[in-house]
Protein backbone atom coordinates (compact mmCIF):
# COMPACT_ATOMS: atom_id res chain seq x y z
CA UNK A 1 -4.46 -1.74 20.19
CA UNK A 2 -8.11 -0.97 19.44
CA UNK A 3 -9.68 -2.44 16.32
CA UNK A 4 -9.94 0.17 13.56
CA UNK A 5 -13.74 -0.04 13.61
CA UNK A 6 -13.85 1.06 17.25
CA UNK A 7 -11.74 4.20 16.75
CA UNK A 8 -13.19 7.67 16.66
CA UNK A 9 -12.60 9.89 13.64
CA UNK A 10 -9.75 11.73 15.39
CA UNK A 11 -8.11 8.48 16.53
CA UNK A 12 -8.33 7.07 12.98
CA UNK A 13 -6.68 10.21 11.58
CA UNK A 14 -3.90 10.02 14.18
CA UNK A 15 -3.29 6.30 13.48
CA UNK A 16 -3.05 6.99 9.74
CA UNK A 17 -0.60 9.83 10.39
CA UNK A 18 1.63 7.59 12.51
CA UNK A 19 1.46 4.79 9.92
CA UNK A 20 2.53 7.20 7.17
CA UNK A 21 5.43 8.44 9.30
CA UNK A 22 6.56 4.88 9.98
CA UNK A 23 6.31 3.98 6.30
CA UNK A 24 8.25 7.10 5.33
CA UNK A 25 10.96 6.27 7.86
CA UNK A 26 11.29 2.73 6.53
CA UNK A 27 11.53 4.02 2.94
CA UNK A 28 14.23 6.53 3.88
CA UNK A 29 16.23 3.82 5.63
CA UNK A 30 16.07 1.65 2.48
CA UNK A 31 16.96 4.56 0.18
CA UNK A 32 19.56 6.55 2.08
CA UNK A 33 21.54 7.58 -1.01
CA UNK A 34 18.43 8.84 -2.84
CA UNK A 35 17.45 10.84 0.23
CA UNK A 36 20.94 12.33 0.55
CA UNK A 37 21.05 13.39 -3.11
CA UNK A 38 17.54 14.83 -3.02
CA UNK A 39 18.33 16.79 0.14
CA UNK A 40 21.58 18.16 -1.32
CA UNK A 41 19.77 19.23 -4.51
CA UNK A 42 17.02 20.97 -2.54
CA UNK A 43 19.52 22.80 -0.32
CA UNK A 44 21.47 23.97 -3.38
CA UNK A 45 18.28 25.23 -5.04
CA UNK A 46 16.94 26.89 -1.86
CA UNK A 47 19.89 28.45 0.03
CA UNK A 48 17.75 31.10 1.75
CA UNK A 49 15.22 28.57 3.02
CA UNK A 50 18.06 26.29 4.15
CA UNK A 51 19.70 29.15 6.08
CA UNK A 52 16.39 30.04 7.73
CA UNK A 53 15.76 26.41 8.72
CA UNK A 54 19.26 26.11 10.17
CA UNK A 55 18.81 29.33 12.14
CA UNK A 56 15.50 28.10 13.60
CA UNK A 57 17.08 24.78 14.53
CA UNK A 58 20.07 26.43 16.21
CA UNK A 59 17.78 28.74 18.18
CA UNK A 60 15.57 25.87 19.32
CA UNK A 61 18.37 23.41 20.12
CA UNK A 62 21.26 25.70 21.06
CA UNK A 63 22.56 23.62 23.99
CA UNK A 64 22.17 20.30 22.15
CA UNK A 65 24.06 21.69 19.14
CA UNK A 66 26.83 23.13 21.34
CA UNK A 67 27.41 19.75 23.01
CA UNK A 68 27.25 17.91 19.69
CA UNK A 69 29.75 20.29 18.07
CA UNK A 70 32.10 20.05 21.05
CA UNK A 71 32.01 16.25 20.92
CA UNK A 72 32.72 16.27 17.19
CA UNK A 73 35.66 18.66 17.58
CA UNK A 74 37.11 16.51 20.37
CA UNK A 75 36.87 13.40 18.18
CA UNK A 76 38.14 15.13 15.02
CA UNK A 77 40.69 17.61 16.32
CA UNK A 78 42.93 17.79 13.22
CA UNK A 79 39.98 18.10 10.87
CA UNK A 80 38.38 20.77 13.04
CA UNK A 81 41.63 22.79 13.06
CA UNK A 82 41.92 22.52 9.29
CA UNK A 83 38.28 23.59 8.81
CA UNK A 84 38.80 26.54 11.13
CA UNK A 85 41.92 27.65 9.28
CA UNK A 86 40.15 27.50 5.91
CA UNK A 87 37.15 29.41 7.22
CA UNK A 88 39.29 32.15 8.78
CA UNK A 89 41.30 32.52 5.57
CA UNK A 90 38.11 32.89 3.52
CA UNK A 91 36.33 35.20 6.00
CA UNK A 92 38.96 37.68 7.20
CA UNK A 93 36.67 40.70 7.01
CA UNK A 94 33.89 38.88 8.84
CA UNK A 95 36.30 37.72 11.53
CA UNK A 96 37.64 41.25 11.96
CA UNK A 97 34.12 42.63 12.28
CA UNK A 98 33.08 39.90 14.74
CA UNK A 99 36.18 40.45 16.88
CA UNK A 100 35.61 44.20 16.95
CA UNK A 101 31.94 43.75 17.84
CA UNK A 102 32.87 41.38 20.70
CA UNK A 103 35.55 43.75 21.97
CA UNK A 104 33.12 46.69 21.88
CA UNK A 105 30.58 44.68 23.88
CA UNK A 106 33.17 43.45 26.41
CA UNK A 107 35.44 46.47 26.94
CA UNK A 108 36.09 45.82 30.64
CA UNK A 109 36.94 42.16 30.04
CA UNK A 110 39.28 43.11 27.18
CA UNK A 111 40.99 45.71 29.36
CA UNK A 112 41.59 43.18 32.17
CA UNK A 113 42.88 40.53 29.76
CA UNK A 114 45.24 43.01 28.11
CA UNK A 115 46.54 44.22 31.48
CA UNK A 116 47.13 40.63 32.62
CA UNK A 117 48.95 39.74 29.39
CA UNK A 118 51.17 42.84 29.60
CA UNK A 119 52.18 42.02 33.19
CA UNK A 120 53.13 38.46 32.16
CA UNK A 121 54.98 39.41 28.96
CA UNK A 122 57.08 42.55 29.62
CA UNK A 123 59.81 41.53 27.18
CA UNK A 124 57.37 41.00 24.32
CA UNK A 125 55.70 44.32 25.18
CA UNK A 126 59.05 46.04 24.88
CA UNK A 127 59.70 44.38 21.51
CA UNK A 128 56.26 45.37 20.20
CA UNK A 129 56.58 48.93 21.47
CA UNK A 130 59.97 49.32 19.80
CA UNK A 131 58.65 48.02 16.49
CA UNK A 132 55.59 50.24 16.72
CA UNK A 133 57.65 53.34 17.42
CA UNK A 134 60.03 52.49 14.59
CA UNK A 135 57.14 52.01 12.14
CA UNK A 136 55.56 55.25 13.27
CA UNK A 137 58.79 57.11 12.58
CA UNK A 138 59.41 55.24 9.31
CA UNK A 139 62.67 53.76 10.60
CA UNK A 140 63.93 50.19 10.95
CA UNK A 141 63.47 47.91 13.95
CA UNK A 142 66.10 45.27 13.25
CA UNK A 143 67.32 44.90 16.87
CA UNK A 144 63.96 44.85 18.71
CA UNK A 145 64.50 41.41 20.33
CA UNK A 146 68.11 42.21 21.26
CA UNK A 147 67.05 45.50 22.85
CA UNK A 148 64.33 43.75 24.85
CA UNK A 149 66.91 41.25 26.16
CA UNK A 150 69.24 44.15 27.10
CA UNK A 151 66.41 45.91 28.98
CA UNK A 152 65.59 42.71 30.86
CA UNK A 153 69.12 42.68 32.30
CA UNK A 154 69.21 46.22 33.72
CA UNK A 155 65.60 46.98 34.72
CA UNK A 156 65.66 44.78 37.89
CA UNK A 157 68.97 46.32 39.12
CA UNK A 158 69.10 48.51 42.23
CA UNK A 159 71.52 50.95 40.57
CA UNK A 160 71.96 51.86 36.93
CA UNK A 161 73.77 54.88 35.52
CA UNK A 162 72.00 57.40 33.31
CA UNK A 163 73.86 57.80 30.03
CA UNK A 164 73.19 61.56 29.96
CA UNK A 165 73.70 62.91 33.47
CA UNK A 166 75.75 59.97 34.87
CA UNK A 167 73.50 59.84 37.96
CA UNK A 168 72.62 56.53 39.66
CA UNK A 169 68.97 55.44 39.73
CA UNK A 170 66.77 52.40 40.27
CA UNK A 171 66.55 50.41 37.05
CA UNK A 172 62.77 50.28 37.31
CA UNK A 173 62.65 54.09 37.30
CA UNK A 174 64.69 54.52 34.12
CA UNK A 175 63.83 54.41 30.43
CA UNK A 176 65.30 53.16 27.18
CA UNK A 177 66.15 56.30 25.21
CA UNK A 178 67.19 56.68 21.58
CA UNK A 179 70.48 58.57 21.29
CA UNK A 180 69.58 59.79 17.81
CA UNK A 181 65.79 60.35 18.07
CA UNK A 182 63.49 58.23 15.92
CA UNK A 183 61.70 61.42 14.91
CA UNK A 184 64.99 62.70 13.47
CA UNK A 185 65.79 59.54 11.52
CA UNK A 186 67.46 57.45 14.25
CA UNK A 187 66.99 53.68 14.18
CA UNK A 188 65.55 51.36 16.81
CA UNK A 189 68.83 49.44 16.98
CA UNK A 190 71.07 48.26 19.83
CA UNK A 191 73.71 50.82 18.84
CA UNK A 192 71.27 53.73 19.17
CA UNK A 193 69.77 53.13 22.62
CA UNK A 194 70.90 54.01 26.12
CA UNK A 195 69.64 54.07 29.71
CA UNK A 196 68.06 57.40 30.61
CA UNK A 197 66.69 58.62 33.94
CA UNK A 198 63.18 60.09 33.99
CA UNK A 199 64.27 63.75 34.20
CA UNK A 200 66.72 63.45 31.27
CA UNK A 201 64.27 61.46 29.20
CA UNK A 202 61.56 64.08 29.75
CA UNK A 203 63.90 66.98 28.91
CA UNK A 204 65.56 65.43 25.88
CA UNK A 205 62.43 64.27 24.03
CA UNK A 206 63.29 64.43 20.28
CA UNK A 207 66.17 66.92 20.53
CA UNK A 208 69.18 66.30 18.32
CA UNK A 209 72.52 65.63 20.03
CA UNK A 210 73.76 69.14 19.19
CA UNK A 211 70.83 70.78 20.95
CA UNK A 212 70.77 68.30 23.82
CA UNK A 213 74.51 68.56 24.52
CA UNK A 214 74.17 72.31 25.05
CA UNK A 215 71.83 71.62 27.98
CA UNK A 216 74.04 69.05 29.71
CA UNK A 217 76.58 69.87 32.42
CA UNK A 218 78.93 67.26 30.96
CA UNK A 219 78.08 66.96 27.25
CA UNK A 220 78.19 63.55 25.63
CA UNK A 221 80.75 63.54 22.83
CA UNK A 222 79.86 62.16 19.41
């Protein structure tokens, strides 16, 4: 290291700056608690400046922060889950808005994910559809899971009999129909559903049994 007397003005200024930094670092190491309390007090008194500083740091060190956060979550899994649950509970509107914004920006990806999930979960789709239809018609949906299990048994069959016309059809080509229509107050219950072929299902729609029986060759008696 050069003697101080041989340094230029710029070199002297730089040496003084480095000496001050080193002295400050040593002081902070000896007074960690004071530093922590002072920092916390400043952040509390200057929330806007703190947020701006954090944003600049995240923008400048995005990859470093991502890796650091991932390592922390891996080492503190239970704590991370608890923190996430608390944040979601306190920020429901923000989460809803963020989810909607992401979905709007990734429509094709959402569509593919939804299609994939539907193909893997046909029974749950049936349950959800039944509940949705029941809610829409202001009826009950007490047997949704039981109905889905019943559908799972007959849909793969080569031959199933239509409840209305008594014809035989592929199970995959038939529908679950409500004997008493939901729109007319019928319930989404196991006692109010039957197997219907496509033609009968399309013709019946929300007709009451009285009206529908008049159109059948062999009326169903109730």
